[in-house]
Protein backbone atom coordinates (compact mmCIF):
# COMPACT_ATOMS: atom_id res chain seq x y z
CA UNK A 1 -22.70 -32.22 -32.92
CA UNK A 2 -19.83 -29.72 -33.15
CA UNK A 3 -18.07 -31.52 -35.99
CA UNK A 4 -14.84 -31.86 -34.04
CA UNK A 5 -12.30 -33.97 -35.96
CA UNK A 6 -11.55 -37.28 -34.25
CA UNK A 7 -7.90 -36.44 -33.57
CA UNK A 8 -8.77 -33.04 -32.09
CA UNK A 9 -11.51 -34.65 -29.99
CA UNK A 10 -9.04 -37.19 -28.61
CA UNK A 11 -6.47 -34.48 -27.85
CA UNK A 12 -9.02 -32.27 -26.10
CA UNK A 13 -10.44 -35.16 -24.12
CA UNK A 14 -6.95 -36.14 -22.97
CA UNK A 15 -6.33 -32.54 -21.87
CA UNK A 16 -9.62 -32.41 -19.97
CA UNK A 17 -8.98 -35.77 -18.32
CA UNK A 18 -5.71 -34.47 -16.94
CA UNK A 19 -6.84 -30.94 -16.20
CA UNK A 20 -10.11 -31.88 -14.49
CA UNK A 21 -9.17 -35.33 -13.16
CA UNK A 22 -11.97 -37.09 -15.06
CA UNK A 23 -10.58 -40.63 -15.01
CA UNK A 24 -12.06 -41.49 -11.62
CA UNK A 25 -15.63 -41.14 -12.96
CA UNK A 26 -15.39 -40.95 -16.76
CA UNK A 27 -17.34 -44.18 -17.34
CA UNK A 28 -19.83 -43.71 -14.50
CA UNK A 29 -23.52 -42.90 -15.21
CA UNK A 30 -24.41 -39.24 -14.65
CA UNK A 31 -26.98 -40.11 -12.00
CA UNK A 32 -24.19 -41.56 -9.86
CA UNK A 33 -21.98 -38.47 -9.99
CA UNK A 34 -21.52 -35.95 -7.21
CA UNK A 35 -22.22 -32.27 -7.89
CA UNK A 36 -18.53 -31.52 -8.21
CA UNK A 37 -18.03 -34.36 -10.68
CA UNK A 38 -20.98 -33.18 -12.76
CA UNK A 39 -19.60 -29.66 -12.87
CA UNK A 40 -16.21 -30.95 -14.05
CA UNK A 41 -17.91 -33.13 -16.64
CA UNK A 42 -20.02 -30.21 -17.90
CA UNK A 43 -16.91 -28.05 -18.16
CA UNK A 44 -15.12 -30.76 -20.13
CA UNK A 45 -18.09 -31.01 -22.52
CA UNK A 46 -17.97 -27.25 -23.04
CA UNK A 47 -14.25 -27.40 -23.87
CA UNK A 48 -14.25 -30.33 -26.24
CA UNK A 49 -14.79 -28.14 -29.34
CA UNK A 50 -12.08 -25.53 -28.53
CA UNK A 51 -14.27 -22.51 -27.75
CA UNK A 52 -12.66 -19.08 -27.97
CA UNK A 53 -15.11 -17.71 -25.40
CA UNK A 54 -16.46 -19.71 -22.47
CA UNK A 55 -19.61 -18.52 -20.69
CA UNK A 56 -20.11 -19.93 -17.19
CA UNK A 57 -22.93 -19.34 -14.72
CA UNK A 58 -21.95 -19.91 -11.06
CA UNK A 59 -19.32 -22.54 -11.98
CA UNK A 60 -18.35 -23.28 -8.36
CA UNK A 61 -21.72 -23.00 -6.62
CA UNK A 62 -22.32 -25.76 -4.08
CA UNK A 63 -18.85 -27.27 -4.48
CA UNK A 64 -16.46 -28.18 -1.69
CA UNK A 65 -13.10 -26.42 -1.36
CA UNK A 66 -11.15 -29.06 -3.27
CA UNK A 67 -13.58 -29.08 -6.20
CA UNK A 68 -13.66 -25.28 -6.32
CA UNK A 69 -9.87 -25.12 -6.42
CA UNK A 70 -9.74 -27.66 -9.26
CA UNK A 71 -12.27 -25.72 -11.35
CA UNK A 72 -10.48 -22.41 -10.75
CA UNK A 73 -7.09 -23.90 -11.59
CA UNK A 74 -8.51 -25.35 -14.81
CA UNK A 75 -10.03 -22.03 -15.89
CA UNK A 76 -6.80 -20.18 -15.12
CA UNK A 77 -4.83 -22.71 -17.17
CA UNK A 78 -7.21 -22.43 -20.13
CA UNK A 79 -7.02 -18.66 -20.12
CA UNK A 80 -3.25 -18.46 -19.80
CA UNK A 81 -2.22 -21.38 -22.03
CA UNK A 82 -4.91 -21.31 -24.71
CA UNK A 83 -6.11 -17.73 -24.59
CA UNK A 84 -9.69 -18.76 -23.85
CA UNK A 85 -11.79 -15.78 -22.76
CA UNK A 86 -13.84 -16.76 -19.70
CA UNK A 87 -17.01 -14.83 -18.90
CA UNK A 88 -18.60 -15.91 -15.64
CA UNK A 89 -21.39 -14.80 -13.36
CA UNK A 90 -20.90 -15.58 -9.70
CA UNK A 91 -21.88 -14.64 -6.17
CA UNK A 92 -18.76 -16.38 -4.84
CA UNK A 93 -16.33 -13.50 -4.43
CA UNK A 94 -13.44 -15.92 -4.07
CA UNK A 95 -14.03 -16.71 -7.76
CA UNK A 96 -13.68 -13.01 -8.53
CA UNK A 97 -10.48 -12.62 -6.52
CA UNK A 98 -8.94 -15.80 -7.94
CA UNK A 99 -9.95 -15.56 -11.60
CA UNK A 100 -11.03 -12.15 -12.80
CA UNK A 101 -8.96 -9.49 -14.52
CA UNK A 102 -12.03 -7.44 -15.36
CA UNK A 103 -15.00 -7.07 -13.02
CA UNK A 104 -18.51 -5.83 -13.81
CA UNK A 105 -20.77 -5.15 -10.83
CA UNK A 106 -24.50 -4.91 -11.44
CA UNK A 107 -26.95 -3.26 -9.04
CA UNK A 108 -30.66 -3.42 -9.91
CA UNK A 109 -29.87 -3.87 -13.58
CA UNK A 110 -27.30 -1.07 -13.74
CA UNK A 111 -23.54 -1.50 -14.17
CA UNK A 112 -21.95 0.30 -11.21
CA UNK A 113 -18.37 -0.76 -11.90
CA UNK A 114 -16.51 -1.93 -14.97
CA UNK A 115 -12.77 -2.29 -14.51
CA UNK A 116 -9.93 -4.21 -12.95
CA UNK A 117 -9.95 -5.76 -9.51
CA UNK A 118 -7.19 -3.49 -8.23
CA UNK A 119 -9.05 -0.48 -9.57
CA UNK A 120 -12.08 -1.66 -7.61
CA UNK A 121 -9.98 -1.99 -4.45
CA UNK A 122 -8.46 1.45 -4.94
CA UNK A 123 -11.77 3.19 -5.62
CA UNK A 124 -13.96 1.53 -3.01
CA UNK A 125 -11.52 -0.19 -0.63
CA UNK A 126 -9.27 2.66 0.45
CA UNK A 127 -9.60 1.86 4.15
CA UNK A 128 -6.62 -0.17 5.33
CA UNK A 129 -5.13 -1.21 8.66
CA UNK A 130 -1.51 -1.10 9.77
CA UNK A 131 -0.81 -3.63 12.52
CA UNK A 132 2.23 -2.77 14.62
CA UNK A 133 3.96 -4.62 17.45
CA UNK A 134 5.70 -2.28 19.88
CA UNK A 135 9.17 -3.33 20.94
CA UNK A 136 8.32 -2.07 24.44
CA UNK A 137 4.64 -1.75 25.49
CA UNK A 138 5.48 1.36 27.53
CA UNK A 139 7.07 3.03 24.53
CA UNK A 140 3.95 4.91 23.52
CA UNK A 141 3.77 6.75 26.84
CA UNK A 142 7.42 7.77 26.66
CA UNK A 143 7.10 8.83 23.03
CA UNK A 144 4.22 11.13 23.88
CA UNK A 145 6.03 12.54 26.95
CA UNK A 146 9.78 12.40 26.26
CA UNK A 147 11.92 12.76 29.35
CA UNK A 148 9.10 11.77 31.68
CA UNK A 149 10.30 9.65 34.64
CA UNK A 150 9.52 5.96 34.80
CA UNK A 151 6.57 5.10 37.02
CA UNK A 152 5.03 1.91 38.28
CA UNK A 153 2.07 2.45 35.94
CA UNK A 154 2.95 0.44 32.84
CA UNK A 155 -0.35 1.07 31.05
CA UNK A 156 -0.07 2.03 27.40
CA UNK A 157 -2.14 4.82 25.93
CA UNK A 158 -3.35 4.85 22.34
CA UNK A 159 -0.76 5.55 19.66
CA UNK A 160 -0.92 9.05 18.25
CA UNK A 161 0.05 9.12 14.57
CA UNK A 162 -1.08 11.71 12.00
CA UNK A 163 -3.36 10.22 9.35
CA UNK A 164 -4.30 7.13 11.37
CA UNK A 165 -6.59 6.14 14.22
CA UNK A 166 -5.95 3.35 16.66
CA UNK A 167 -8.96 1.05 16.56
CA UNK A 168 -7.77 -1.92 18.59
CA UNK A 169 -5.16 -2.80 21.19
CA UNK A 170 -3.97 -6.14 22.57
CA UNK A 171 -0.87 -5.91 24.74
CA UNK A 172 1.91 -4.48 22.60
CA UNK A 173 -0.01 -5.01 19.33
CA UNK A 174 -1.93 -2.07 17.88
CA UNK A 175 -4.26 -1.72 14.90
CA UNK A 176 -4.12 1.65 13.10
CA UNK A 177 -6.86 2.41 10.57
CA UNK A 178 -6.07 4.79 7.72
CA UNK A 179 -7.32 5.88 4.30
CA UNK A 180 -4.67 5.31 1.65
CA UNK A 181 -6.18 8.11 -0.44
CA UNK A 182 -5.04 10.48 2.31
CA UNK A 183 -1.79 8.88 3.44
CA UNK A 184 0.31 6.19 1.80
CA UNK A 185 1.24 3.03 3.67
CA UNK A 186 4.95 3.82 3.31
CA UNK A 187 4.54 7.33 4.77
CA UNK A 188 2.47 5.99 7.65
CA UNK A 189 5.01 3.28 8.44
CA UNK A 190 7.79 5.86 8.44
CA UNK A 191 5.74 8.10 10.74
CA UNK A 192 5.02 5.30 13.21
CA UNK A 193 8.63 4.08 13.18
CA UNK A 194 9.91 7.59 13.90
CA UNK A 195 7.70 7.83 17.01
CA UNK A 196 7.72 4.34 18.49
CA UNK A 197 10.21 1.46 18.67
CA UNK A 198 8.73 -1.44 16.71
CA UNK A 199 9.43 -5.16 16.67
CA UNK A 200 7.14 -6.03 13.76
CA UNK A 201 4.42 -4.66 11.49
CA UNK A 202 2.04 -5.82 8.78
CA UNK A 203 -0.47 -4.25 6.41
CA UNK A 204 -4.05 -5.50 6.18
CA UNK A 205 -5.97 -4.53 3.05
CA UNK A 206 -9.74 -5.00 2.83
CA UNK A 207 -10.78 -8.26 1.22
CA UNK A 208 -12.93 -8.23 -1.89
CA UNK A 209 -16.09 -9.00 0.09
CA UNK A 210 -15.58 -5.94 2.29
CA UNK A 211 -14.88 -3.75 -0.75
CA UNK A 212 -18.01 -4.81 -2.64
CA UNK A 213 -20.21 -4.68 0.46
CA UNK A 214 -19.00 -1.12 1.03
CA UNK A 215 -19.77 -0.19 -2.55
CA UNK A 216 -23.36 -1.44 -2.37
CA UNK A 217 -23.84 0.07 1.09
CA UNK A 218 -22.74 3.48 -0.19
CA UNK A 219 -25.36 3.30 -2.95
CA UNK A 220 -28.18 2.71 -0.47
CA UNK A 221 -27.30 5.63 1.79
């Protein structure tokens, strides 16, 4: 139907067989295939004529984790090795995080964002959390009242750090929420380290689901 030369067809089929692991069901009737196998077969059929642009609608919907990973790996390979432009619509935000360099968000027929994923995170996902482990759980009390005598009360008050708010506490681990538009992570870490002895720390950025949910929520307020 596409007029693909026999040699090119054979080469593309061999690539798809390896890329999408088609050999296990290549000769099986369609009615006997699982959803994941059908999706891989459909993708192979779409690739057999060397398209420059590939349009996909919910390519991983209903698939298990292994099948999703295989489809995503295949699409990444096609884009990077062959320069195939992939345009996909999806409600699975893991697809967005794993595959997309450019993201268009549509709300009631209107484009509310058109740009890169990191740009989306920066614009709508500025709220981050710094997780710190105090070297000594009583350190926060001493830092707030230097020179104060030791007491039997070993309770730890909330950490006081400019630009951040403690939102959670479990033993010597504290969660500090901050807006990176107002204070950078590096400045906040330096500020915390100058006030409290630390044994460990980590930075938690909002995942893509939280970012997009926040964007749509802000538009309904």
